[in-house]
Amino acid sequence: MAWIQHVPRSRAEGRLLEVYRQYLPPDTEAPAILAVGGLHPEGLGGHLGLYQPLMFGQSPLSREQREMIATVVSSVNDCHY
């Protein structure tokens, strides 16, 4: 099993803390998949800047349809997250 260093919100500072505050609800910990991105705050900010409008923005697709597309793509890519 791989182990990747991560930065939880409780230890975030500087730009990473700004990113967490911008994209995560208050008083919530960053999911592990995002905390790993905390090693590169600018990259994480870019990722979330794209992810948020795609998954939560206005679209002809429902939230459920978007999640299903993401699930199928992950399955095809053999991604178990």
Protein backbone atom coordinates (compact mmCIF):
# COMPACT_ATOMS: atom_id res chain seq x y z
CA MET A 1 0.00 0.00 0.00
CA ALA A 2 1.35 3.42 -0.96
CA TRP A 3 1.77 6.15 1.63
CA ILE A 4 1.73 9.77 0.57
CA GLN A 5 2.43 12.66 2.90
CA HIS A 6 -0.50 15.01 3.25
CA VAL A 7 -1.38 18.26 4.98
CA PRO A 8 -4.67 18.21 6.90
CA ARG A 9 -6.58 21.44 7.33
CA SER A 10 -5.67 21.51 11.01
CA ARG A 11 -1.97 21.93 10.04
CA ALA A 12 -2.43 24.07 6.94
CA GLU A 13 -0.92 27.54 6.77
CA GLY A 14 -0.32 30.24 4.21
CA ARG A 15 -1.63 29.65 0.68
CA LEU A 16 -2.85 26.12 1.50
CA LEU A 17 -5.01 27.42 4.34
CA GLU A 18 -6.42 30.03 1.94
CA VAL A 19 -7.30 27.30 -0.58
CA TYR A 20 -8.96 25.16 2.08
CA ARG A 21 -10.95 28.16 3.33
CA GLN A 22 -12.01 29.07 -0.21
CA TYR A 23 -13.21 25.63 -1.26
CA LEU A 24 -14.15 23.67 1.87
CA PRO A 25 -17.04 24.28 4.24
CA PRO A 26 -15.99 25.82 7.57
CA ASP A 27 -14.82 23.46 10.31
CA THR A 28 -14.46 20.46 7.98
CA GLU A 29 -11.31 18.48 7.40
CA ALA A 30 -10.04 18.08 3.85
CA PRO A 31 -10.77 14.65 2.39
CA ALA A 32 -7.56 12.61 1.98
CA ILE A 33 -7.60 12.97 -1.80
CA LEU A 34 -7.46 16.76 -1.38
CA ALA A 35 -5.07 16.78 1.58
CA VAL A 36 -2.51 15.00 -0.62
CA GLY A 37 -2.79 17.92 -3.05
CA GLY A 38 -1.86 20.19 -0.15
CA LEU A 39 1.80 19.54 -0.89
CA HIS A 40 1.31 21.86 -3.89
CA PRO A 41 -1.26 24.50 -2.86
CA GLU A 42 -1.28 26.29 -6.24
CA GLY A 43 -1.98 23.00 -8.02
CA LEU A 44 -4.71 22.11 -5.53
CA GLY A 45 -6.28 25.54 -5.98
CA GLY A 46 -6.24 25.05 -9.75
CA HIS A 47 -7.75 21.58 -9.43
CA LEU A 48 -10.55 22.80 -7.17
CA GLY A 49 -11.08 25.86 -9.35
CA LEU A 50 -11.91 23.47 -12.21
CA TYR A 51 -13.66 20.77 -10.17
CA GLN A 52 -16.13 23.01 -8.32
CA PRO A 53 -17.81 24.56 -11.39
CA LEU A 54 -17.84 21.23 -13.25
CA MET A 55 -19.48 19.34 -10.41
CA PHE A 56 -21.55 22.07 -8.74
CA GLY A 57 -22.01 24.80 -11.37
CA GLN A 58 -24.94 25.35 -13.66
CA SER A 59 -25.26 22.54 -16.19
CA PRO A 60 -27.85 20.64 -18.22
CA LEU A 61 -26.64 17.56 -16.29
CA SER A 62 -27.93 16.87 -12.79
CA ARG A 63 -25.53 16.43 -9.89
CA GLU A 64 -26.39 12.73 -9.89
CA GLN A 65 -25.57 12.42 -13.60
CA ARG A 66 -22.21 14.12 -13.09
CA GLU A 67 -21.38 11.79 -10.19
CA MET A 68 -22.35 8.78 -12.28
CA ILE A 69 -20.07 9.91 -15.12
CA ALA A 70 -17.22 10.33 -12.62
CA THR A 71 -17.93 6.86 -11.19
CA VAL A 72 -17.93 5.20 -14.61
CA VAL A 73 -14.71 6.97 -15.65
CA SER A 74 -13.04 5.91 -12.40
CA SER A 75 -14.17 2.33 -12.95
CA VAL A 76 -12.89 2.27 -16.53
CA ASN A 77 -9.57 3.67 -15.28
CA ASP A 78 -9.46 1.02 -12.53
CA CYS A 79 -9.43 3.78 -9.90
CA HIS A 80 -10.82 2.56 -6.59
CA TYR A 81 -11.11 5.93 -4.86
